[in-house]
Amino acid sequence: MINKRLLIKNLLAYNDESSFYDKKRKIDLGNKEGKAKFLKHICALSNSNPNNNSYIVIGVEDESNEIRGVDFFDDSKIQNLVNAYLSNPPLIMYENVAFPHLPDDKVVGLVTIRPNGKITSLRKNIWKYWGGSIFLRDGSISMPKDFDIVIEDVNSEIVQAIENKAKNNIELTLDGVIDFINNRHSDLEADYKVFKELFVVCWAGHTKNVKGETYYSRVDIELINEQVRLFYSALDEVSISYSEDEFKIIEYVHLGLNNQFKYYPLEELTITFRENGSHQIDSKLIFKPPKFNKKTLHHIYNANNSLIEKLKKKVPLTPAEEKDLINLPATYLVCYLNDFSDAKEKLYEAKDFLKQTNGNVYQSFKESVRILRKVKYN
C-alpha cells in the first residue's frame, strides 16, 4: 500500500518534471482552456508511459518546489471528462493528500494516470486543440506529434523504485492516527475504525443528533494508510455509517430561499475494503433538486444580477444588499437547478468580485461550484 504523501515527496525529490511526472500550481476545469490543457497532459503522460503509472502533482510552485496546496477537490466524475474527450482513455484517479503544514482547507492534489497500452488521442476539438491530436512528453513538456509513434519503455524501473520508497508501514499509520486525533482535530469530536486489520479511517467534526441520527459538520475524513483525504467541507453536513467491509458517507447540502432552508442528500460515497488488501471507492449522486416558485426566482435572479453590477462598478452596498450578497452563490445555484440556464455563467462571472469582497461569500461560491460540477458530470 502506497503512502501518497511519501509518494509526492519522492516525486518532488526526483529533480524536475519528466516524461512520467508533471507538477502544477493549480488546474482549472471550469473553462475550456483549463480542461484542454489538463487533457493534453493526461494524453501525453499516458502515451509516454504505456507500462507504468504517471502522475500530476497539483499545489506546488513550479520553480521552488514549495508545497502551497489547493482547495479540496472531490469531483469523482473526472473520469467522465477524460472519457468524453479522449480516445483510448487511461484510468484516472484524483486524490486529495493531506500535508501537516498546510491549512485545514488545503491539500495537495495527486492525479494518477494508468494507461491501457493503446495510443491515446483527442476524440474531438477542444479550445485550440484539434480532434485526433496525439501528444507525447518531450522532457517536461507535452508536445503534439503528427507522425508515426514509436513508444519506448524507459521509465518502468524508475517509477517502480519511487513507488517502492513510498510504501506505507505501521509507524506511519500510527503516527497518522495520533496526529489526526490529538493535533489536527483536538477541538472536534474524532473517531477511527480499522477495516480488515489493515485500513484505518479517521473522521472528525461537530456532531448533532436528529431523530436518533448523528450528523457531522465541519467534517474531515481521511484514509490514514494512504494519507488521502476522503471528504472535507466547512459548510455541508454528512452522515457516516460503516460495517465490517464498508465505510459510507452521505453528503447533505443546505439549500433554500427567504430563510426557508432544508438539507438535501447530494451524494453517497462508499469505500469497500477487501481481504486481499485492496479497496474500491464508489460514488453515487442521489440529489433531487428542490423546486421553487418561478416568480420568486425571477425576482432573486434579477436582484443577484444587480448586486454583481454594483460590485463591478464598485458601488457601495446597502446593509440589506450585504445580507443578500452572503446568499448570492447559493441562490444562483438554486436558480440554475430550476432551469435558469444563465445562472451558472453569472455565478462564474462573479467569482473575482466575490473573492475580493468577502471571505465567507467566496467560500460559499466554492461550495456552490462544487455542487454544480457534481450535477453536471452525472
Protein backbone atom coordinates (compact mmCIF):
# COMPACT_ATOMS: atom_id res chain seq x y z
CA MET A 1 0.00 0.00 0.00
CA ILE A 2 1.40 3.36 -1.07
CA ASN A 3 1.50 6.33 1.29
CA LYS A 4 0.51 9.12 -1.10
CA ARG A 5 2.20 11.84 0.95
CA LEU A 6 5.51 9.96 0.72
CA LEU A 7 4.94 9.36 -2.98
CA ILE A 8 4.51 13.09 -3.62
CA LYS A 9 7.67 13.87 -1.65
CA ASN A 10 9.60 11.29 -3.66
CA LEU A 11 8.28 12.66 -6.94
CA LEU A 12 9.24 16.20 -5.97
CA ALA A 13 12.69 14.96 -4.98
CA TYR A 14 13.15 13.44 -8.44
CA ASN A 15 14.69 16.62 -9.89
CA ASP A 16 12.33 18.30 -12.35
CA GLU A 17 9.25 17.24 -14.28
CA SER A 18 9.80 14.36 -16.64
CA SER A 19 8.04 12.07 -19.07
CA PHE A 20 6.22 10.29 -16.20
CA TYR A 21 5.57 13.19 -13.84
CA ASP A 22 4.26 16.74 -14.03
CA LYS A 23 3.53 19.37 -11.38
CA LYS A 24 1.14 22.31 -11.42
CA ARG A 25 0.42 25.23 -9.13
CA LYS A 26 -3.28 24.64 -9.87
CA ILE A 27 -5.65 23.39 -12.54
CA ASP A 28 -8.90 24.98 -13.65
CA LEU A 29 -11.56 22.67 -15.05
CA GLY A 30 -14.19 25.42 -15.03
CA ASN A 31 -13.38 26.62 -18.55
CA LYS A 32 -12.46 25.16 -21.95
CA GLU A 33 -8.85 26.31 -21.83
CA GLY A 34 -8.23 24.71 -18.43
CA LYS A 35 -9.91 21.46 -19.47
CA ALA A 36 -7.96 21.35 -22.74
CA LYS A 37 -4.58 21.81 -21.05
CA PHE A 38 -5.42 19.16 -18.44
CA LEU A 39 -6.50 16.68 -21.13
CA LYS A 40 -3.34 17.41 -23.15
CA HIS A 41 -1.15 16.46 -20.18
CA ILE A 42 -3.21 13.34 -19.46
CA CYS A 43 -2.89 12.28 -23.10
CA ALA A 44 0.88 12.95 -23.24
CA LEU A 45 1.73 11.19 -19.96
CA SER A 46 -0.40 8.17 -20.85
CA ASN A 47 1.25 7.82 -24.27
CA SER A 48 4.76 8.33 -22.92
CA ASN A 49 4.40 5.63 -20.25
CA PRO A 50 2.48 2.68 -21.66
CA ASN A 51 3.60 0.20 -18.97
CA ASN A 52 3.58 2.19 -15.73
CA ASN A 53 1.73 4.89 -13.82
CA SER A 54 2.27 8.58 -14.49
CA TYR A 55 1.49 11.36 -12.04
CA ILE A 56 0.48 15.01 -11.88
CA VAL A 57 1.08 16.80 -8.56
CA ILE A 58 -1.13 19.87 -8.03
CA GLY A 59 -0.45 22.60 -5.50
CA VAL A 60 3.31 23.00 -5.93
CA GLU A 61 5.27 26.06 -7.08
CA ASP A 62 6.99 25.25 -10.36
CA GLU A 63 10.32 26.97 -9.72
CA SER A 64 10.86 26.48 -5.99
CA ASN A 65 9.09 23.12 -5.49
CA GLU A 66 7.36 24.71 -2.48
CA ILE A 67 4.19 22.89 -1.43
CA ARG A 68 1.44 25.54 -1.30
CA GLY A 69 -1.67 23.37 -1.57
CA VAL A 70 -5.01 23.79 -3.33
CA ASP A 71 -8.67 23.54 -2.33
CA PHE A 72 -10.14 20.10 -1.66
CA PHE A 73 -11.41 18.74 -5.00
CA ASP A 74 -13.92 15.92 -4.76
CA ASP A 75 -15.01 15.56 -8.36
CA SER A 76 -15.22 11.79 -8.51
CA LYS A 77 -16.53 12.09 -12.08
CA ILE A 78 -13.29 13.46 -13.54
CA GLN A 79 -13.01 10.13 -15.38
CA ASN A 80 -16.18 11.11 -17.27
CA LEU A 81 -14.42 14.22 -18.60
CA VAL A 82 -11.45 12.14 -19.76
CA ASN A 83 -13.73 9.54 -21.37
CA ALA A 84 -15.70 12.23 -23.19
CA TYR A 85 -12.68 13.86 -24.84
CA LEU A 86 -10.06 11.12 -25.25
CA SER A 87 -9.95 8.01 -27.41
CA ASN A 88 -8.46 5.00 -25.58
CA PRO A 89 -8.62 6.96 -22.31
CA PRO A 90 -6.39 5.90 -19.41
CA LEU A 91 -7.81 5.25 -15.95
CA ILE A 92 -7.66 8.46 -13.91
CA MET A 93 -7.72 8.90 -10.15
CA TYR A 94 -7.69 12.28 -8.39
CA GLU A 95 -6.81 12.17 -4.69
CA ASN A 96 -6.57 14.88 -2.04
CA VAL A 97 -3.44 14.34 0.04
CA ALA A 98 -3.08 15.96 3.46
CA PHE A 99 0.16 17.68 4.50
CA PRO A 100 0.67 18.73 8.16
CA HIS A 101 1.94 22.25 7.44
CA LEU A 102 -0.99 23.23 5.20
CA PRO A 103 -4.16 24.95 6.49
CA ASP A 104 -7.15 22.67 7.17
CA ASP A 105 -8.85 23.63 3.90
CA LYS A 106 -5.79 22.95 1.72
CA VAL A 107 -4.41 19.70 0.31
CA VAL A 108 -2.08 18.59 -2.47
CA GLY A 109 -3.86 17.09 -5.46
CA LEU A 110 -2.45 13.85 -6.89
CA VAL A 111 -3.60 12.64 -10.31
CA THR A 112 -2.64 9.03 -11.05
CA ILE A 113 -2.75 8.01 -14.73
CA ARG A 114 -2.92 4.31 -15.52
CA PRO A 115 -2.53 3.67 -19.28
CA ASN A 116 -4.34 0.94 -21.19
CA GLY A 117 -1.46 0.11 -23.54
CA LYS A 118 -3.03 1.87 -26.53
CA ILE A 119 -2.33 5.24 -28.13
CA THR A 120 -4.49 7.94 -26.53
CA SER A 121 -5.68 10.86 -28.66
CA LEU A 122 -8.21 13.69 -28.53
CA ARG A 123 -11.63 12.45 -29.55
CA LYS A 124 -12.93 15.90 -30.57
CA ASN A 125 -11.92 19.55 -30.74
CA ILE A 126 -11.44 21.47 -27.50
CA TRP A 127 -10.08 25.02 -27.22
CA LYS A 128 -7.20 25.28 -29.76
CA TYR A 129 -6.52 21.52 -29.96
CA TRP A 130 -7.95 19.51 -32.84
CA GLY A 131 -9.73 16.22 -32.57
CA GLY A 132 -7.39 13.38 -33.48
CA SER A 133 -4.34 15.12 -31.99
CA ILE A 134 -1.79 12.92 -30.22
CA PHE A 135 0.52 14.24 -27.52
CA LEU A 136 3.75 12.91 -26.03
CA ARG A 137 6.09 14.16 -23.33
CA ASP A 138 9.28 15.76 -24.57
CA GLY A 139 11.17 16.06 -21.30
CA SER A 140 8.91 18.19 -19.13
CA ILE A 141 6.72 19.47 -21.99
CA SER A 142 3.60 17.88 -23.51
CA MET A 143 4.05 18.17 -27.30
CA PRO A 144 1.78 17.30 -30.24
CA LYS A 145 3.05 14.56 -32.57
CA ASP A 146 1.89 14.29 -36.16
CA PHE A 147 3.89 11.26 -37.25
CA ASP A 148 4.01 7.54 -36.55
CA ILE A 149 4.73 6.99 -32.88
CA VAL A 150 7.22 4.51 -31.54
CA ILE A 151 6.99 4.35 -27.75
CA GLU A 152 9.89 3.04 -25.73
CA ASP A 153 9.50 1.91 -22.15
CA VAL A 154 12.27 3.81 -20.36
CA ASN A 155 10.57 4.69 -17.08
CA SER A 156 9.20 1.49 -15.55
CA GLU A 157 12.19 0.82 -13.30
CA ILE A 158 12.36 4.44 -12.13
CA VAL A 159 8.62 4.63 -11.36
CA GLN A 160 8.68 1.28 -9.57
CA ALA A 161 11.60 2.44 -7.42
CA ILE A 162 9.80 5.68 -6.49
CA GLU A 163 6.60 3.80 -5.61
CA ASN A 164 8.52 1.22 -3.54
CA LYS A 165 10.10 4.03 -1.50
CA ALA A 166 6.59 5.31 -0.74
CA LYS A 167 5.29 2.04 0.78
CA ASN A 168 3.35 2.52 4.00
CA ASN A 169 4.28 0.95 7.36
CA ILE A 170 2.84 0.57 10.87
CA GLU A 171 4.78 3.52 12.27
CA LEU A 172 3.47 5.91 9.61
CA THR A 173 -0.09 4.67 10.18
CA LEU A 174 0.05 5.05 13.97
CA ASP A 175 1.66 8.48 13.69
CA GLY A 176 -1.07 9.48 11.26
CA VAL A 177 -3.90 8.41 13.60
CA ILE A 178 -2.36 10.19 16.60
CA ASP A 179 -1.71 13.35 14.60
CA PHE A 180 -5.25 13.37 13.17
CA ILE A 181 -7.00 12.96 16.55
CA ASN A 182 -4.69 14.70 19.03
CA ASN A 183 -3.16 17.50 16.98
CA ARG A 184 -5.08 18.45 13.87
CA HIS A 185 -8.57 17.97 15.31
CA SER A 186 -8.19 18.24 19.07
CA ASP A 187 -11.10 20.72 19.13
CA LEU A 188 -13.53 18.33 17.38
CA GLU A 189 -15.13 15.00 18.14
CA ALA A 190 -12.90 12.43 16.45
CA ASP A 191 -13.04 8.68 15.94
CA TYR A 192 -11.48 5.90 13.88
CA LYS A 193 -12.30 2.45 12.52
CA VAL A 194 -9.97 -0.36 11.41
CA PHE A 195 -11.05 -2.44 8.40
CA LYS A 196 -9.66 -5.88 7.51
CA GLU A 197 -6.91 -5.46 10.14
CA LEU A 198 -5.16 -3.17 7.67
CA PHE A 199 -7.04 0.00 6.71
CA VAL A 200 -7.65 2.86 9.16
CA VAL A 201 -10.27 5.52 8.51
CA CYS A 202 -10.35 8.58 10.81
CA TRP A 203 -13.06 11.22 10.95
CA ALA A 204 -13.72 14.37 12.96
CA GLY A 205 -16.34 17.09 13.11
CA HIS A 206 -19.02 18.84 15.11
CA THR A 207 -21.87 16.41 15.81
CA LYS A 208 -25.58 16.82 16.32
CA ASN A 209 -28.30 14.22 16.82
CA VAL A 210 -31.60 14.49 14.96
CA LYS A 211 -34.25 11.80 15.49
CA GLY A 212 -31.64 9.25 16.52
CA GLU A 213 -29.28 10.03 13.59
CA THR A 214 -25.85 11.62 14.03
CA TYR A 215 -24.74 14.29 11.56
CA TYR A 216 -21.32 15.89 11.23
CA SER A 217 -20.47 19.45 10.18
CA ARG A 218 -17.02 20.96 9.57
CA VAL A 219 -16.12 17.37 8.84
CA ASP A 220 -12.77 15.88 7.83
CA ILE A 221 -12.48 12.21 6.81
CA GLU A 222 -9.18 10.58 5.94
CA LEU A 223 -7.87 7.16 4.87
CA ILE A 224 -4.79 7.25 7.09
CA ASN A 225 -2.82 4.46 5.39
CA GLU A 226 -2.58 6.47 2.20
CA GLN A 227 -2.80 9.96 3.76
CA VAL A 228 -5.72 10.61 1.41
CA ARG A 229 -8.49 12.95 2.49
CA LEU A 230 -11.81 11.38 1.52
CA PHE A 231 -14.05 14.31 2.38
CA TYR A 232 -13.74 17.86 3.65
CA SER A 233 -16.33 20.62 3.91
CA ALA A 234 -16.61 23.69 6.10
CA LEU A 235 -20.31 24.16 5.26
CA ASP A 236 -22.17 20.97 4.35
CA GLU A 237 -23.17 18.13 6.65
CA VAL A 238 -22.66 14.39 6.32
CA SER A 239 -23.85 11.20 7.93
CA ILE A 240 -21.42 8.33 8.48
CA SER A 241 -22.13 4.61 8.72
CA TYR A 242 -19.97 1.52 8.46
CA SER A 243 -19.94 -2.27 8.59
CA GLU A 244 -17.07 -4.75 8.68
CA ASP A 245 -16.46 -4.28 4.95
CA GLU A 246 -17.72 -0.80 4.09
CA PHE A 247 -17.45 2.82 5.14
CA LYS A 248 -20.26 5.02 3.81
CA ILE A 249 -20.62 8.81 3.68
CA ILE A 250 -23.82 10.61 2.67
CA GLU A 251 -23.33 14.32 1.99
CA TYR A 252 -26.15 16.83 2.50
CA VAL A 253 -26.34 20.36 1.08
CA HIS A 254 -28.18 23.28 2.66
CA LEU A 255 -30.45 24.97 0.10
CA GLY A 256 -33.45 27.25 0.21
CA LEU A 257 -34.84 30.75 -0.24
CA ASN A 258 -36.02 33.55 2.03
CA ASN A 259 -34.74 31.90 5.21
CA GLN A 260 -36.62 28.69 4.35
CA PHE A 261 -33.73 26.23 4.15
CA LYS A 262 -33.52 22.45 4.21
CA TYR A 263 -30.80 19.78 3.96
CA TYR A 264 -30.94 17.72 0.76
CA PRO A 265 -28.98 14.46 0.19
CA LEU A 266 -26.38 15.11 -2.50
CA GLU A 267 -24.01 12.17 -2.90
CA GLU A 268 -23.34 8.77 -1.38
CA LEU A 269 -19.70 7.65 -1.25
CA THR A 270 -18.90 4.05 -0.33
CA ILE A 271 -15.46 2.57 0.32
CA THR A 272 -15.37 -1.22 0.14
CA PHE A 273 -12.42 -2.97 1.78
CA ARG A 274 -11.38 -6.44 0.61
CA GLU A 275 -9.49 -9.29 2.27
CA ASN A 276 -6.72 -9.14 -0.33
CA GLY A 277 -5.58 -5.70 0.88
CA SER A 278 -7.31 -3.66 -1.82
CA HIS A 279 -10.17 -1.20 -1.63
CA GLN A 280 -12.62 0.44 -4.03
CA ILE A 281 -14.29 3.84 -3.81
CA ASP A 282 -17.69 4.30 -5.49
CA SER A 283 -19.85 7.41 -5.54
CA LYS A 284 -23.47 7.83 -6.48
CA LEU A 285 -25.35 11.09 -6.95
CA ILE A 286 -28.65 10.93 -5.04
CA PHE A 287 -29.57 14.59 -5.42
CA LYS A 288 -33.12 15.67 -6.27
CA PRO A 289 -33.02 19.44 -6.79
CA PRO A 290 -35.62 21.44 -4.85
CA LYS A 291 -38.23 23.28 -6.91
CA PHE A 292 -39.37 26.81 -6.12
CA ASN A 293 -41.87 29.36 -7.40
CA LYS A 294 -40.64 30.80 -10.72
CA LYS A 295 -41.88 34.31 -9.95
CA THR A 296 -39.88 34.37 -6.71
CA LEU A 297 -36.82 33.01 -8.51
CA HIS A 298 -37.04 35.71 -11.22
CA HIS A 299 -37.03 38.38 -8.54
CA ILE A 300 -33.99 36.84 -6.78
CA TYR A 301 -32.14 36.23 -10.06
CA ASN A 302 -32.55 39.87 -11.14
CA ALA A 303 -31.55 41.10 -7.68
CA ASN A 304 -28.38 38.98 -7.84
CA ASN A 305 -27.52 40.39 -11.26
CA SER A 306 -27.93 43.92 -9.89
CA LEU A 307 -25.61 43.11 -6.99
CA ILE A 308 -22.92 41.87 -9.38
CA GLU A 309 -23.21 45.04 -11.46
CA LYS A 310 -22.75 47.13 -8.32
CA LEU A 311 -19.65 45.14 -7.37
CA LYS A 312 -18.24 45.63 -10.87
CA LYS A 313 -18.75 49.39 -10.64
CA LYS A 314 -17.54 49.48 -7.01
CA VAL A 315 -20.82 50.99 -5.83
CA PRO A 316 -21.28 50.63 -2.04
CA LEU A 317 -23.93 48.12 -0.98
CA THR A 318 -26.72 48.85 1.48
CA PRO A 319 -26.95 46.73 4.67
CA ALA A 320 -29.82 44.77 3.12
CA GLU A 321 -27.76 44.13 -0.03
CA GLU A 322 -24.82 42.97 2.11
CA LYS A 323 -27.10 40.29 3.56
CA ASP A 324 -28.30 39.29 0.09
CA LEU A 325 -24.69 39.05 -1.08
CA ILE A 326 -23.96 36.35 1.52
CA ASN A 327 -26.65 34.15 -0.06
CA LEU A 328 -25.83 35.06 -3.68
CA PRO A 329 -23.84 31.92 -4.66
CA ALA A 330 -26.43 29.58 -3.12
CA THR A 331 -29.39 31.41 -4.70
CA TYR A 332 -27.71 31.45 -8.13
CA LEU A 333 -27.28 27.69 -7.66
CA VAL A 334 -30.98 27.28 -6.83
CA CYS A 335 -31.88 29.32 -9.91
CA TYR A 336 -29.72 27.14 -12.13
CA LEU A 337 -31.26 23.97 -10.69
CA ASN A 338 -34.67 25.43 -11.56
CA ASP A 339 -33.84 25.89 -15.25
CA PHE A 340 -32.32 29.38 -15.19
CA SER A 341 -29.54 28.21 -17.51
CA ASP A 342 -27.66 31.55 -17.48
CA ALA A 343 -27.34 31.49 -13.68
CA LYS A 344 -24.26 29.27 -13.87
CA GLU A 345 -22.42 31.71 -16.13
CA LYS A 346 -23.47 34.60 -13.91
CA LEU A 347 -22.06 32.75 -10.89
CA TYR A 348 -18.70 32.14 -12.59
CA GLU A 349 -18.68 35.76 -13.79
CA ALA A 350 -18.98 36.88 -10.15
CA LYS A 351 -16.01 34.83 -8.91
CA ASP A 352 -13.32 37.52 -8.80
CA PHE A 353 -15.64 40.14 -7.31
CA LEU A 354 -16.81 37.78 -4.57
CA LYS A 355 -13.22 36.81 -3.79
CA GLN A 356 -12.28 40.45 -3.26
CA THR A 357 -15.39 41.31 -1.27
CA ASN A 358 -15.96 38.74 1.45
CA GLY A 359 -14.18 35.54 2.51
CA ASN A 360 -17.38 33.81 3.68
CA VAL A 361 -19.14 34.61 0.42
CA TYR A 362 -16.21 33.24 -1.57
CA GLN A 363 -16.29 30.03 0.46
CA SER A 364 -19.98 29.73 -0.38
CA PHE A 365 -19.09 30.31 -4.05
CA LYS A 366 -16.64 27.38 -3.99
CA GLU A 367 -19.23 25.11 -2.38
CA SER A 368 -21.86 26.06 -4.98
CA VAL A 369 -19.43 25.44 -7.86
CA ARG A 370 -18.56 22.05 -6.35
CA ILE A 371 -22.23 21.05 -6.37
CA LEU A 372 -22.66 22.31 -9.94
CA ARG A 373 -19.71 20.22 -11.06
CA LYS A 374 -21.11 17.07 -9.46
CA VAL A 375 -24.52 17.59 -11.03
CA LYS A 376 -23.02 18.30 -14.46
CA TYR A 377 -20.90 15.17 -14.72
CA ASN A 378 -23.77 12.99 -13.57
